[in-house]
Structure formats: C-alpha cells, structure tokens
All heavy atoms as atom14 arrays in JSON, in Angstrom:
{
  "sequence": "ADKLVVFTHKGKTDARLVIRRHRLAERLLND",
  "atom14_mask": [
    [1, 1, 1, 1, 1, 0, 0, 0, 0, 0, 0, 0, 0, 0],
    [1, 1, 1, 1, 1, 1, 1, 1, 0, 0, 0, 0, 0, 0],
    [1, 1, 1, 1, 1, 1, 1, 1, 1, 0, 0, 0, 0, 0],
    [1, 1, 1, 1, 1, 1, 1, 1, 0, 0, 0, 0, 0, 0],
    [1, 1, 1, 1, 1, 1, 1, 0, 0, 0, 0, 0, 0, 0],
    [1, 1, 1, 1, 1, 1, 1, 0, 0, 0, 0, 0, 0, 0],
    [1, 1, 1, 1, 1, 1, 1, 1, 1, 1, 1, 0, 0, 0],
    [1, 1, 1, 1, 1, 1, 1, 0, 0, 0, 0, 0, 0, 0],
    [1, 1, 1, 1, 1, 1, 1, 1, 1, 1, 0, 0, 0, 0],
    [1, 1, 1, 1, 1, 1, 1, 1, 1, 0, 0, 0, 0, 0],
    [1, 1, 1, 1, 0, 0, 0, 0, 0, 0, 0, 0, 0, 0],
    [1, 1, 1, 1, 1, 1, 1, 1, 1, 0, 0, 0, 0, 0],
    [1, 1, 1, 1, 1, 1, 1, 0, 0, 0, 0, 0, 0, 0],
    [1, 1, 1, 1, 1, 1, 1, 1, 0, 0, 0, 0, 0, 0],
    [1, 1, 1, 1, 1, 0, 0, 0, 0, 0, 0, 0, 0, 0],
    [1, 1, 1, 1, 1, 1, 1, 1, 1, 1, 1, 0, 0, 0],
    [1, 1, 1, 1, 1, 1, 1, 1, 0, 0, 0, 0, 0, 0],
    [1, 1, 1, 1, 1, 1, 1, 0, 0, 0, 0, 0, 0, 0],
    [1, 1, 1, 1, 1, 1, 1, 1, 0, 0, 0, 0, 0, 0],
    [1, 1, 1, 1, 1, 1, 1, 1, 1, 1, 1, 0, 0, 0],
    [1, 1, 1, 1, 1, 1, 1, 1, 1, 1, 1, 0, 0, 0],
    [1, 1, 1, 1, 1, 1, 1, 1, 1, 1, 0, 0, 0, 0],
    [1, 1, 1, 1, 1, 1, 1, 1, 1, 1, 1, 0, 0, 0],
    [1, 1, 1, 1, 1, 1, 1, 1, 0, 0, 0, 0, 0, 0],
    [1, 1, 1, 1, 1, 0, 0, 0, 0, 0, 0, 0, 0, 0],
    [1, 1, 1, 1, 1, 1, 1, 1, 1, 0, 0, 0, 0, 0],
    [1, 1, 1, 1, 1, 1, 1, 1, 1, 1, 1, 0, 0, 0],
    [1, 1, 1, 1, 1, 1, 1, 1, 0, 0, 0, 0, 0, 0],
    [1, 1, 1, 1, 1, 1, 1, 1, 0, 0, 0, 0, 0, 0],
    [1, 1, 1, 1, 1, 1, 1, 1, 0, 0, 0, 0, 0, 0],
    [1, 1, 1, 1, 1, 1, 1, 1, 0, 0, 0, 0, 0, 0]
  ],
  "atom14_positions": [
    [[152.81, -29.06, 12.73], [153.76, -28.54, 11.77], [154.96, -29.49, 11.65], [155.51, -29.88, 12.68], [154.25, -27.15, 12.21], [0.0, 0.0, 0.0], [0.0, 0.0, 0.0], [0.0, 0.0, 0.0], [0.0, 0.0, 0.0], [0.0, 0.0, 0.0], [0.0, 0.0, 0.0], [0.0, 0.0, 0.0], [0.0, 0.0, 0.0], [0.0, 0.0, 0.0]],
    [[155.31, -29.84, 10.46], [156.44, -30.78, 10.21], [156.32, -32.05, 11.05], [157.26, -32.46, 11.69], [157.75, -30.08, 10.5], [158.0, -28.91, 9.56], [157.57, -28.97, 8.4], [158.62, -27.91, 10.0], [0.0, 0.0, 0.0], [0.0, 0.0, 0.0], [0.0, 0.0, 0.0], [0.0, 0.0, 0.0], [0.0, 0.0, 0.0], [0.0, 0.0, 0.0]],
    [[155.12, -32.57, 11.1], [154.8, -33.83, 11.85], [154.94, -33.69, 13.36], [154.89, -34.65, 14.07], [155.67, -34.97, 11.34], [155.44, -35.34, 9.9], [156.22, -36.53, 9.48], [155.98, -36.82, 8.02], [156.66, -38.06, 7.61], [0.0, 0.0, 0.0], [0.0, 0.0, 0.0], [0.0, 0.0, 0.0], [0.0, 0.0, 0.0], [0.0, 0.0, 0.0]],
    [[155.09, -32.47, 13.85], [155.17, -32.24, 15.29], [153.85, -31.62, 15.76], [153.25, -30.8, 15.05], [156.31, -31.26, 15.67], [157.73, -31.8, 15.44], [158.73, -30.74, 15.84], [157.98, -33.06, 16.24], [0.0, 0.0, 0.0], [0.0, 0.0, 0.0], [0.0, 0.0, 0.0], [0.0, 0.0, 0.0], [0.0, 0.0, 0.0], [0.0, 0.0, 0.0]],
    [[153.41, -32.06, 16.94], [152.18, -31.53, 17.52], [152.58, -30.63, 18.69], [153.32, -31.05, 19.59], [151.28, -32.68, 18.02], [150.03, -32.16, 18.68], [150.94, -33.63, 16.87], [0.0, 0.0, 0.0], [0.0, 0.0, 0.0], [0.0, 0.0, 0.0], [0.0, 0.0, 0.0], [0.0, 0.0, 0.0], [0.0, 0.0, 0.0], [0.0, 0.0, 0.0]],
    [[152.13, -29.39, 18.66], [152.43, -28.44, 19.73], [151.16, -27.79, 20.21], [150.23, -27.54, 19.43], [153.48, -27.37, 19.29], [154.83, -28.0, 19.02], [152.98, -26.61, 18.08], [0.0, 0.0, 0.0], [0.0, 0.0, 0.0], [0.0, 0.0, 0.0], [0.0, 0.0, 0.0], [0.0, 0.0, 0.0], [0.0, 0.0, 0.0], [0.0, 0.0, 0.0]],
    [[151.12, -27.48, 21.48], [149.97, -26.8, 22.06], [149.88, -25.36, 21.6], [150.88, -24.69, 21.45], [150.06, -26.77, 23.6], [149.73, -28.03, 24.31], [150.62, -28.65, 25.15], [148.47, -28.63, 24.15], [150.33, -29.78, 25.84], [148.13, -29.79, 24.79], [149.08, -30.38, 25.62], [0.0, 0.0, 0.0], [0.0, 0.0, 0.0], [0.0, 0.0, 0.0]],
    [[148.66, -24.9, 21.42], [148.43, -23.47, 21.34], [148.24, -22.96, 22.76], [148.25, -23.8, 23.71], [147.11, -23.2, 20.54], [146.01, -23.79, 21.26], [147.17, -23.72, 19.13], [0.0, 0.0, 0.0], [0.0, 0.0, 0.0], [0.0, 0.0, 0.0], [0.0, 0.0, 0.0], [0.0, 0.0, 0.0], [0.0, 0.0, 0.0], [0.0, 0.0, 0.0]],
    [[148.1, -21.72, 22.96], [147.88, -21.2, 24.33], [146.61, -21.83, 24.92], [146.61, -22.27, 26.07], [147.76, -19.67, 24.32], [147.45, -19.1, 25.69], [148.44, -19.05, 26.67], [146.34, -18.58, 26.19], [147.88, -18.52, 27.75], [146.62, -18.22, 27.49], [0.0, 0.0, 0.0], [0.0, 0.0, 0.0], [0.0, 0.0, 0.0], [0.0, 0.0, 0.0]],
    [[145.56, -21.88, 24.1], [144.27, -22.47, 24.56], [144.48, -23.91, 24.95], [143.99, -24.41, 25.97], [143.27, -22.36, 23.43], [141.96, -23.03, 23.66], [141.05, -22.92, 22.43], [139.74, -23.62, 22.58], [138.91, -23.51, 21.39], [0.0, 0.0, 0.0], [0.0, 0.0, 0.0], [0.0, 0.0, 0.0], [0.0, 0.0, 0.0], [0.0, 0.0, 0.0]],
    [[145.22, -24.66, 24.12], [145.48, -26.08, 24.37], [146.28, -26.33, 25.67], [145.95, -27.19, 26.43], [0.0, 0.0, 0.0], [0.0, 0.0, 0.0], [0.0, 0.0, 0.0], [0.0, 0.0, 0.0], [0.0, 0.0, 0.0], [0.0, 0.0, 0.0], [0.0, 0.0, 0.0], [0.0, 0.0, 0.0], [0.0, 0.0, 0.0], [0.0, 0.0, 0.0]],
    [[147.29, -25.51, 25.84], [148.11, -25.67, 27.05], [147.32, -25.37, 28.31], [147.41, -26.06, 29.32], [149.37, -24.78, 26.96], [150.36, -25.06, 28.02], [151.76, -24.63, 27.56], [152.8, -25.37, 28.36], [153.58, -26.29, 27.58], [0.0, 0.0, 0.0], [0.0, 0.0, 0.0], [0.0, 0.0, 0.0], [0.0, 0.0, 0.0], [0.0, 0.0, 0.0]],
    [[146.49, -24.33, 28.22], [145.66, -23.95, 29.37], [144.69, -25.09, 29.71], [144.57, -25.47, 30.88], [144.87, -22.66, 29.04], [145.8, -21.6, 28.79], [143.96, -22.26, 30.21], [0.0, 0.0, 0.0], [0.0, 0.0, 0.0], [0.0, 0.0, 0.0], [0.0, 0.0, 0.0], [0.0, 0.0, 0.0], [0.0, 0.0, 0.0], [0.0, 0.0, 0.0]],
    [[144.0, -25.61, 28.73], [143.06, -26.7, 28.99], [143.74, -28.0, 29.4], [143.25, -28.71, 30.28], [142.16, -26.94, 27.75], [141.04, -25.96, 27.64], [141.1, -24.87, 28.29], [140.05, -26.22, 26.97], [0.0, 0.0, 0.0], [0.0, 0.0, 0.0], [0.0, 0.0, 0.0], [0.0, 0.0, 0.0], [0.0, 0.0, 0.0], [0.0, 0.0, 0.0]],
    [[144.88, -28.29, 28.77], [145.63, -29.5, 29.15], [146.1, -29.42, 30.61], [146.05, -30.41, 31.33], [146.82, -29.69, 28.22], [0.0, 0.0, 0.0], [0.0, 0.0, 0.0], [0.0, 0.0, 0.0], [0.0, 0.0, 0.0], [0.0, 0.0, 0.0], [0.0, 0.0, 0.0], [0.0, 0.0, 0.0], [0.0, 0.0, 0.0], [0.0, 0.0, 0.0]],
    [[146.52, -28.24, 31.02], [146.95, -28.05, 32.42], [145.8, -28.37, 33.37], [145.98, -29.02, 34.41], [147.42, -26.61, 32.66], [147.95, -26.35, 34.05], [148.48, -24.93, 34.24], [149.65, -24.7, 33.43], [149.77, -23.82, 32.44], [148.75, -23.09, 32.09], [150.89, -23.69, 31.76], [0.0, 0.0, 0.0], [0.0, 0.0, 0.0], [0.0, 0.0, 0.0]],
    [[144.59, -27.95, 33.04], [143.42, -28.23, 33.87], [143.08, -29.74, 33.91], [142.74, -30.29, 34.96], [142.2, -27.43, 33.4], [142.29, -25.92, 33.57], [141.1, -25.25, 32.88], [142.38, -25.55, 35.04], [0.0, 0.0, 0.0], [0.0, 0.0, 0.0], [0.0, 0.0, 0.0], [0.0, 0.0, 0.0], [0.0, 0.0, 0.0], [0.0, 0.0, 0.0]],
    [[143.19, -30.4, 32.75], [142.95, -31.83, 32.65], [143.96, -32.6, 33.52], [143.57, -33.47, 34.31], [143.04, -32.3, 31.17], [143.03, -33.84, 31.1], [141.9, -31.74, 30.35], [0.0, 0.0, 0.0], [0.0, 0.0, 0.0], [0.0, 0.0, 0.0], [0.0, 0.0, 0.0], [0.0, 0.0, 0.0], [0.0, 0.0, 0.0], [0.0, 0.0, 0.0]],
    [[145.2, -32.22, 33.41], [146.27, -32.88, 34.2], [146.01, -32.64, 35.67], [146.16, -33.55, 36.52], [147.66, -32.35, 33.8], [148.03, -32.88, 32.41], [148.73, -32.72, 34.82], [148.27, -34.39, 32.33], [0.0, 0.0, 0.0], [0.0, 0.0, 0.0], [0.0, 0.0, 0.0], [0.0, 0.0, 0.0], [0.0, 0.0, 0.0], [0.0, 0.0, 0.0]],
    [[145.68, -31.43, 36.05], [145.43, -31.07, 37.45], [144.31, -31.92, 38.01], [144.41, -32.51, 39.1], [145.1, -29.61, 37.58], [144.84, -29.12, 39.0], [144.76, -27.61, 39.06], [144.3, -26.95, 40.25], [144.31, -27.3, 41.5], [144.8, -28.48, 41.84], [143.87, -26.55, 42.47], [0.0, 0.0, 0.0], [0.0, 0.0, 0.0], [0.0, 0.0, 0.0]],
    [[143.19, -32.04, 37.31], [142.06, -32.83, 37.78], [142.46, -34.29, 37.93], [142.13, -34.94, 38.92], [140.86, -32.75, 36.79], [140.06, -31.5, 36.93], [138.7, -31.63, 36.2], [138.8, -32.18, 34.86], [138.93, -31.5, 33.72], [138.98, -30.16, 33.76], [138.98, -32.11, 32.58], [0.0, 0.0, 0.0], [0.0, 0.0, 0.0], [0.0, 0.0, 0.0]],
    [[143.22, -34.8, 36.96], [143.63, -36.21, 36.98], [144.56, -36.45, 38.2], [144.36, -37.45, 38.9], [144.34, -36.59, 35.68], [144.71, -38.01, 35.62], [143.83, -38.97, 35.14], [145.83, -38.68, 35.99], [144.42, -40.15, 35.22], [145.61, -39.99, 35.71], [0.0, 0.0, 0.0], [0.0, 0.0, 0.0], [0.0, 0.0, 0.0], [0.0, 0.0, 0.0]],
    [[145.48, -35.59, 38.42], [146.44, -35.78, 39.54], [145.76, -35.58, 40.89], [146.09, -36.33, 41.85], [147.64, -34.88, 39.36], [148.46, -35.34, 38.17], [149.72, -34.55, 37.95], [150.43, -35.12, 36.8], [151.38, -34.5, 36.17], [151.77, -33.29, 36.53], [152.01, -35.06, 35.15], [0.0, 0.0, 0.0], [0.0, 0.0, 0.0], [0.0, 0.0, 0.0]],
    [[144.81, -34.7, 40.95], [144.04, -34.54, 42.23], [143.2, -35.79, 42.47], [143.09, -36.24, 43.63], [143.14, -33.3, 42.17], [143.88, -31.96, 42.31], [142.93, -30.8, 42.02], [144.48, -31.82, 43.7], [0.0, 0.0, 0.0], [0.0, 0.0, 0.0], [0.0, 0.0, 0.0], [0.0, 0.0, 0.0], [0.0, 0.0, 0.0], [0.0, 0.0, 0.0]],
    [[142.62, -36.34, 41.44], [141.81, -37.55, 41.56], [142.69, -38.7, 42.02], [142.31, -39.5, 42.91], [141.14, -37.93, 40.22], [0.0, 0.0, 0.0], [0.0, 0.0, 0.0], [0.0, 0.0, 0.0], [0.0, 0.0, 0.0], [0.0, 0.0, 0.0], [0.0, 0.0, 0.0], [0.0, 0.0, 0.0], [0.0, 0.0, 0.0], [0.0, 0.0, 0.0]],
    [[143.92, -38.8, 41.49], [144.87, -39.85, 41.9], [145.22, -39.67, 43.42], [145.24, -40.67, 44.16], [146.13, -39.8, 41.09], [145.98, -40.36, 39.72], [147.28, -40.3, 38.89], [148.16, -39.49, 39.22], [147.4, -41.08, 37.95], [0.0, 0.0, 0.0], [0.0, 0.0, 0.0], [0.0, 0.0, 0.0], [0.0, 0.0, 0.0], [0.0, 0.0, 0.0]],
    [[145.46, -38.45, 43.85], [145.77, -38.22, 45.27], [144.62, -38.6, 46.15], [144.81, -39.26, 47.18], [146.14, -36.74, 45.51], [147.34, -36.23, 44.84], [148.71, -36.85, 45.12], [148.85, -37.59, 46.32], [149.62, -38.69, 46.45], [150.28, -39.12, 45.39], [149.73, -39.33, 47.57], [0.0, 0.0, 0.0], [0.0, 0.0, 0.0], [0.0, 0.0, 0.0]],
    [[143.42, -38.24, 45.77], [142.22, -38.62, 46.56], [142.09, -40.12, 46.62], [141.88, -40.7, 47.72], [140.97, -37.99, 45.96], [139.66, -38.43, 46.61], [139.55, -37.88, 48.01], [138.45, -37.98, 45.75], [0.0, 0.0, 0.0], [0.0, 0.0, 0.0], [0.0, 0.0, 0.0], [0.0, 0.0, 0.0], [0.0, 0.0, 0.0], [0.0, 0.0, 0.0]],
    [[142.18, -40.77, 45.49], [142.03, -42.23, 45.47], [143.11, -42.93, 46.29], [142.84, -43.9, 46.97], [142.04, -42.71, 44.02], [140.84, -42.33, 43.2], [141.1, -42.64, 41.72], [139.57, -43.02, 43.68], [0.0, 0.0, 0.0], [0.0, 0.0, 0.0], [0.0, 0.0, 0.0], [0.0, 0.0, 0.0], [0.0, 0.0, 0.0], [0.0, 0.0, 0.0]],
    [[144.34, -42.41, 46.23], [145.43, -43.04, 46.95], [145.42, -42.69, 48.44], [145.46, -43.59, 49.26], [146.76, -42.6, 46.33], [147.94, -43.31, 46.96], [147.86, -44.5, 47.27], [149.01, -42.62, 47.13], [0.0, 0.0, 0.0], [0.0, 0.0, 0.0], [0.0, 0.0, 0.0], [0.0, 0.0, 0.0], [0.0, 0.0, 0.0], [0.0, 0.0, 0.0]],
    [[145.32, -41.42, 48.76], [145.46, -41.0, 50.1], [144.23, -41.2, 50.97], [144.35, -41.56, 52.16], [145.83, -39.47, 50.17], [147.15, -39.18, 49.51], [147.9, -40.13, 49.21], [147.44, -38.01, 49.24], [0.0, 0.0, 0.0], [0.0, 0.0, 0.0], [0.0, 0.0, 0.0], [0.0, 0.0, 0.0], [0.0, 0.0, 0.0], [0.0, 0.0, 0.0]]
  ]
}
C-alpha cells in the first residue's frame, strides 16, 4: 500500500519461522 510493503499475520508468522531457522543455523555453524 502506497509503495510500502507490510506483513500480514500469515506473513509475519512465516517470516518469524524463517528467521528462527536461519539464526539457529548460524549458531550451529559458529558454535
């Protein structure tokens, strides 16, 4: 809307899971 991109509830929920997996993978790879 008005050139802005915002999450829907569904998008925020899925994005949170994507971020969580990525950050856990980073911790595993690093630690």
